[in-house]
Amino acid sequence: MAESNWLQTSFIAALSEIPVEVTPEKNKVIVGPLVSFIQQRIPDGALVTLNIRKNTKIISSLRKHSLKGIASFDLNKTTIAPGTYTISIATMGKLKEIKDVKLQ
């Protein structure tokens, strides 16, 4: 069987940061606008995952696809009780964690 030589490449991450706006009184989290290193919004349909944790237990895990570089999450007040949580957002190989988020 023929084998090719190894090829090693490096890439620049498409996304350098994850901007997040949390509005606790509305139980809303807006992720974005997500902008690439060339200052363009990421493609529509990029998966954005939001996890809400209380201590180490995941209370809720939500997924949305980006639209014009933004993913908006309305948190269900019937499944997420008022309290202090850790929110983590993952998209395009990046992860951002926000601690001590008070939801009403």
N, C-alpha and C. Protein backbone atom coordinates (compact mmCIF):
# COMPACT_ATOMS: atom_id res chain seq x y z
N MET A 1 0.84 -1.16 0.00
CA MET A 1 0.00 0.00 0.00
C MET A 1 0.90 1.24 0.00
N ALA A 2 0.55 2.21 -0.80
CA ALA A 2 1.33 3.45 -0.89
C ALA A 2 0.99 4.37 0.28
N GLU A 3 1.99 5.08 0.75
CA GLU A 3 1.78 6.05 1.83
C GLU A 3 2.33 7.39 1.41
N SER A 4 1.64 8.42 1.81
CA SER A 4 2.09 9.78 1.53
C SER A 4 2.90 10.30 2.71
N ASN A 5 3.73 11.29 2.43
CA ASN A 5 4.45 11.95 3.50
C ASN A 5 3.48 12.76 4.34
N TRP A 6 3.85 13.00 5.60
CA TRP A 6 3.03 13.82 6.49
C TRP A 6 3.11 15.26 6.05
N LEU A 7 2.00 15.94 6.15
CA LEU A 7 1.94 17.35 5.84
C LEU A 7 1.45 18.08 7.08
N GLN A 8 2.24 18.99 7.58
CA GLN A 8 1.85 19.72 8.78
C GLN A 8 1.47 21.14 8.39
N THR A 9 0.29 21.56 8.84
CA THR A 9 -0.18 22.90 8.52
C THR A 9 -0.61 23.60 9.80
N SER A 10 -0.70 24.89 9.74
CA SER A 10 -1.25 25.64 10.87
C SER A 10 -2.31 26.59 10.33
N PHE A 11 -3.26 26.90 11.17
CA PHE A 11 -4.38 27.73 10.77
C PHE A 11 -4.54 28.88 11.75
N ILE A 12 -5.06 29.96 11.27
CA ILE A 12 -5.47 31.06 12.14
C ILE A 12 -6.92 30.79 12.51
N ALA A 13 -7.23 30.87 13.81
CA ALA A 13 -8.60 30.64 14.25
C ALA A 13 -9.52 31.67 13.58
N ALA A 14 -10.64 31.19 13.08
CA ALA A 14 -11.57 32.08 12.40
C ALA A 14 -12.20 33.07 13.37
N LEU A 15 -12.32 32.68 14.62
CA LEU A 15 -12.99 33.49 15.63
C LEU A 15 -12.01 33.80 16.75
N SER A 16 -11.84 35.08 17.07
CA SER A 16 -10.89 35.43 18.12
C SER A 16 -11.57 35.63 19.47
N GLU A 17 -12.82 36.05 19.48
CA GLU A 17 -13.53 36.23 20.74
C GLU A 17 -15.02 35.95 20.55
N ILE A 18 -15.70 35.75 21.68
CA ILE A 18 -17.14 35.50 21.66
C ILE A 18 -17.82 36.61 22.46
N PRO A 19 -18.38 37.62 21.79
CA PRO A 19 -19.10 38.66 22.53
C PRO A 19 -20.43 38.12 23.04
N VAL A 20 -20.74 38.41 24.29
CA VAL A 20 -21.97 37.91 24.91
C VAL A 20 -22.65 39.04 25.67
N GLU A 21 -23.96 39.15 25.50
CA GLU A 21 -24.76 40.10 26.28
C GLU A 21 -25.81 39.30 27.05
N VAL A 22 -25.77 39.42 28.37
CA VAL A 22 -26.74 38.72 29.22
C VAL A 22 -27.69 39.76 29.79
N THR A 23 -28.99 39.53 29.61
CA THR A 23 -30.01 40.40 30.19
C THR A 23 -30.78 39.58 31.22
N PRO A 24 -30.32 39.62 32.50
CA PRO A 24 -30.91 38.75 33.53
C PRO A 24 -32.41 38.97 33.75
N GLU A 25 -32.86 40.23 33.70
CA GLU A 25 -34.28 40.48 33.98
C GLU A 25 -35.19 39.92 32.89
N LYS A 26 -34.66 39.70 31.70
CA LYS A 26 -35.44 39.11 30.61
C LYS A 26 -35.06 37.65 30.37
N ASN A 27 -34.09 37.14 31.16
CA ASN A 27 -33.58 35.78 30.97
C ASN A 27 -33.21 35.56 29.50
N LYS A 28 -32.42 36.47 28.97
CA LYS A 28 -32.02 36.42 27.56
C LYS A 28 -30.51 36.50 27.45
N VAL A 29 -29.95 35.70 26.54
CA VAL A 29 -28.52 35.73 26.25
C VAL A 29 -28.36 35.92 24.74
N ILE A 30 -27.62 36.95 24.36
CA ILE A 30 -27.35 37.20 22.95
C ILE A 30 -25.86 36.99 22.72
N VAL A 31 -25.54 36.09 21.81
CA VAL A 31 -24.16 35.79 21.46
C VAL A 31 -23.88 36.45 20.11
N GLY A 32 -22.90 37.35 20.11
CA GLY A 32 -22.53 38.00 18.86
C GLY A 32 -22.62 39.50 18.94
N PRO A 33 -22.36 40.16 17.84
CA PRO A 33 -22.06 39.57 16.55
C PRO A 33 -20.70 38.87 16.54
N LEU A 34 -20.69 37.67 16.00
CA LEU A 34 -19.47 36.86 15.89
C LEU A 34 -18.76 37.25 14.60
N VAL A 35 -17.53 37.74 14.76
CA VAL A 35 -16.78 38.30 13.64
C VAL A 35 -15.47 37.54 13.50
N SER A 36 -15.11 37.20 12.27
CA SER A 36 -13.87 36.46 12.01
C SER A 36 -12.67 37.39 12.06
N PHE A 37 -11.49 36.79 11.94
CA PHE A 37 -10.25 37.57 11.98
C PHE A 37 -10.12 38.53 10.80
N ILE A 38 -10.91 38.33 9.76
CA ILE A 38 -10.88 39.28 8.64
C ILE A 38 -12.06 40.26 8.71
N GLN A 39 -12.62 40.38 9.92
CA GLN A 39 -13.68 41.35 10.23
C GLN A 39 -14.97 41.13 9.46
N GLN A 40 -15.25 39.87 9.13
CA GLN A 40 -16.53 39.52 8.51
C GLN A 40 -17.32 38.67 9.50
N ARG A 41 -18.62 38.83 9.47
CA ARG A 41 -19.46 38.00 10.34
C ARG A 41 -19.34 36.55 9.90
N ILE A 42 -19.43 35.65 10.90
CA ILE A 42 -19.31 34.23 10.59
C ILE A 42 -20.48 33.80 9.71
N PRO A 43 -20.34 32.68 9.02
CA PRO A 43 -21.41 32.23 8.12
C PRO A 43 -22.70 31.89 8.88
N ASP A 44 -23.82 32.13 8.24
CA ASP A 44 -25.10 31.69 8.80
C ASP A 44 -25.06 30.18 8.98
N GLY A 45 -25.66 29.72 10.06
CA GLY A 45 -25.75 28.29 10.30
C GLY A 45 -24.67 27.73 11.20
N ALA A 46 -23.73 28.56 11.66
CA ALA A 46 -22.70 28.07 12.58
C ALA A 46 -23.38 27.70 13.90
N LEU A 47 -23.03 26.55 14.44
CA LEU A 47 -23.65 26.06 15.67
C LEU A 47 -23.10 26.80 16.88
N VAL A 48 -24.01 27.29 17.73
CA VAL A 48 -23.65 27.95 18.99
C VAL A 48 -24.33 27.16 20.11
N THR A 49 -23.54 26.69 21.08
CA THR A 49 -24.08 25.91 22.20
C THR A 49 -23.96 26.71 23.48
N LEU A 50 -25.04 26.78 24.24
CA LEU A 50 -25.06 27.49 25.51
C LEU A 50 -25.40 26.49 26.61
N ASN A 51 -24.53 26.38 27.61
CA ASN A 51 -24.78 25.52 28.77
C ASN A 51 -24.94 26.39 30.00
N ILE A 52 -25.92 26.05 30.82
CA ILE A 52 -26.15 26.75 32.09
C ILE A 52 -25.89 25.75 33.20
N ARG A 53 -24.95 26.10 34.09
CA ARG A 53 -24.57 25.19 35.18
C ARG A 53 -24.82 25.83 36.53
N LYS A 54 -25.22 25.01 37.46
CA LYS A 54 -25.32 25.37 38.88
C LYS A 54 -24.33 24.47 39.57
N ASN A 55 -23.26 25.04 40.12
CA ASN A 55 -22.13 24.27 40.65
C ASN A 55 -21.54 23.47 39.48
N THR A 56 -21.58 22.15 39.55
CA THR A 56 -21.02 21.35 38.45
C THR A 56 -22.11 20.69 37.60
N LYS A 57 -23.37 20.87 37.98
CA LYS A 57 -24.48 20.22 37.27
C LYS A 57 -25.00 21.11 36.14
N ILE A 58 -25.11 20.52 34.94
CA ILE A 58 -25.70 21.25 33.81
C ILE A 58 -27.21 21.28 33.99
N ILE A 59 -27.75 22.48 34.11
CA ILE A 59 -29.19 22.69 34.30
C ILE A 59 -29.90 22.69 32.95
N SER A 60 -29.26 23.30 31.96
CA SER A 60 -29.86 23.41 30.63
C SER A 60 -28.76 23.49 29.58
N SER A 61 -29.00 22.84 28.45
CA SER A 61 -28.08 22.90 27.32
C SER A 61 -28.90 23.24 26.08
N LEU A 62 -28.56 24.36 25.46
CA LEU A 62 -29.33 24.84 24.31
C LEU A 62 -28.42 25.01 23.10
N ARG A 63 -28.98 24.79 21.93
CA ARG A 63 -28.22 24.96 20.68
C ARG A 63 -29.02 25.81 19.71
N LYS A 64 -28.30 26.70 19.06
CA LYS A 64 -28.91 27.54 18.02
C LYS A 64 -27.91 27.67 16.88
N HIS A 65 -28.41 28.00 15.72
CA HIS A 65 -27.54 28.28 14.58
C HIS A 65 -27.49 29.80 14.39
N SER A 66 -26.31 30.29 14.05
CA SER A 66 -26.14 31.73 13.89
C SER A 66 -26.91 32.23 12.67
N LEU A 67 -27.35 33.46 12.78
CA LEU A 67 -27.99 34.16 11.67
C LEU A 67 -27.42 35.57 11.66
N LYS A 68 -26.73 35.92 10.60
CA LYS A 68 -26.04 37.21 10.49
C LYS A 68 -25.05 37.41 11.64
N GLY A 69 -24.43 36.30 12.08
CA GLY A 69 -23.40 36.36 13.11
C GLY A 69 -23.92 36.41 14.53
N ILE A 70 -25.22 36.20 14.73
CA ILE A 70 -25.82 36.32 16.06
C ILE A 70 -26.65 35.08 16.37
N ALA A 71 -26.60 34.66 17.64
CA ALA A 71 -27.49 33.61 18.15
C ALA A 71 -28.13 34.15 19.42
N SER A 72 -29.45 34.11 19.48
CA SER A 72 -30.19 34.66 20.61
C SER A 72 -30.89 33.53 21.36
N PHE A 73 -30.71 33.49 22.67
CA PHE A 73 -31.30 32.45 23.51
C PHE A 73 -32.26 33.09 24.51
N ASP A 74 -33.53 32.67 24.47
CA ASP A 74 -34.51 33.06 25.48
C ASP A 74 -34.58 31.90 26.47
N LEU A 75 -34.20 32.17 27.72
CA LEU A 75 -34.14 31.11 28.72
C LEU A 75 -35.51 30.92 29.35
N ASN A 76 -35.95 29.68 29.42
CA ASN A 76 -37.27 29.33 29.92
C ASN A 76 -37.31 29.45 31.44
N LYS A 77 -38.13 30.37 31.93
CA LYS A 77 -38.22 30.59 33.38
C LYS A 77 -38.86 29.41 34.11
N THR A 78 -39.58 28.55 33.40
CA THR A 78 -40.19 27.40 34.07
C THR A 78 -39.19 26.28 34.30
N THR A 79 -38.12 26.21 33.51
CA THR A 79 -37.13 25.15 33.71
C THR A 79 -35.85 25.66 34.38
N ILE A 80 -35.66 26.98 34.39
CA ILE A 80 -34.48 27.56 35.03
C ILE A 80 -34.96 28.48 36.14
N ALA A 81 -34.82 28.03 37.37
CA ALA A 81 -35.28 28.80 38.53
C ALA A 81 -34.38 30.02 38.72
N PRO A 82 -34.93 31.08 39.33
CA PRO A 82 -34.08 32.23 39.65
C PRO A 82 -32.89 31.79 40.50
N GLY A 83 -31.72 32.36 40.21
CA GLY A 83 -30.53 32.00 40.97
C GLY A 83 -29.27 32.46 40.25
N THR A 84 -28.14 32.02 40.79
CA THR A 84 -26.83 32.38 40.25
C THR A 84 -26.24 31.17 39.53
N TYR A 85 -25.81 31.37 38.30
CA TYR A 85 -25.36 30.28 37.45
C TYR A 85 -24.03 30.62 36.76
N THR A 86 -23.43 29.60 36.18
CA THR A 86 -22.29 29.77 35.27
C THR A 86 -22.80 29.46 33.87
N ILE A 87 -22.55 30.37 32.95
CA ILE A 87 -22.97 30.18 31.57
C ILE A 87 -21.73 29.96 30.72
N SER A 88 -21.77 28.93 29.87
CA SER A 88 -20.66 28.72 28.93
C SER A 88 -21.22 28.68 27.51
N ILE A 89 -20.48 29.32 26.62
CA ILE A 89 -20.86 29.39 25.22
C ILE A 89 -19.74 28.80 24.38
N ALA A 90 -20.10 27.88 23.49
CA ALA A 90 -19.11 27.25 22.61
C ALA A 90 -19.56 27.42 21.17
N THR A 91 -18.61 27.84 20.33
CA THR A 91 -18.88 27.95 18.90
C THR A 91 -17.57 27.99 18.13
N MET A 92 -17.53 27.35 17.01
CA MET A 92 -16.39 27.37 16.09
C MET A 92 -15.06 27.08 16.80
N GLY A 93 -15.09 26.13 17.73
CA GLY A 93 -13.87 25.71 18.41
C GLY A 93 -13.44 26.61 19.56
N LYS A 94 -14.22 27.61 19.89
CA LYS A 94 -13.91 28.53 20.99
C LYS A 94 -14.91 28.31 22.12
N LEU A 95 -14.47 28.62 23.34
CA LEU A 95 -15.32 28.47 24.53
C LEU A 95 -15.18 29.72 25.38
N LYS A 96 -16.31 30.23 25.86
CA LYS A 96 -16.30 31.37 26.78
C LYS A 96 -17.18 31.00 27.97
N GLU A 97 -16.68 31.31 29.17
CA GLU A 97 -17.42 31.00 30.39
C GLU A 97 -17.64 32.29 31.17
N ILE A 98 -18.87 32.47 31.64
CA ILE A 98 -19.22 33.63 32.45
C ILE A 98 -19.75 33.11 33.77
N LYS A 99 -19.09 33.49 34.86
CA LYS A 99 -19.48 33.00 36.19
C LYS A 99 -20.37 34.02 36.89
N ASP A 100 -21.11 33.52 37.87
CA ASP A 100 -21.94 34.35 38.75
C ASP A 100 -22.97 35.19 37.99
N VAL A 101 -23.66 34.56 37.06
CA VAL A 101 -24.73 35.23 36.32
C VAL A 101 -26.02 35.04 37.11
N LYS A 102 -26.63 36.14 37.48
CA LYS A 102 -27.88 36.08 38.25
C LYS A 102 -29.06 36.15 37.29
N LEU A 103 -29.87 35.09 37.29
CA LEU A 103 -31.07 35.05 36.46
C LEU A 103 -32.29 35.21 37.35
N GLN A 104 -33.30 35.88 36.83
CA GLN A 104 -34.51 36.13 37.62
C GLN A 104 -35.67 35.29 37.15
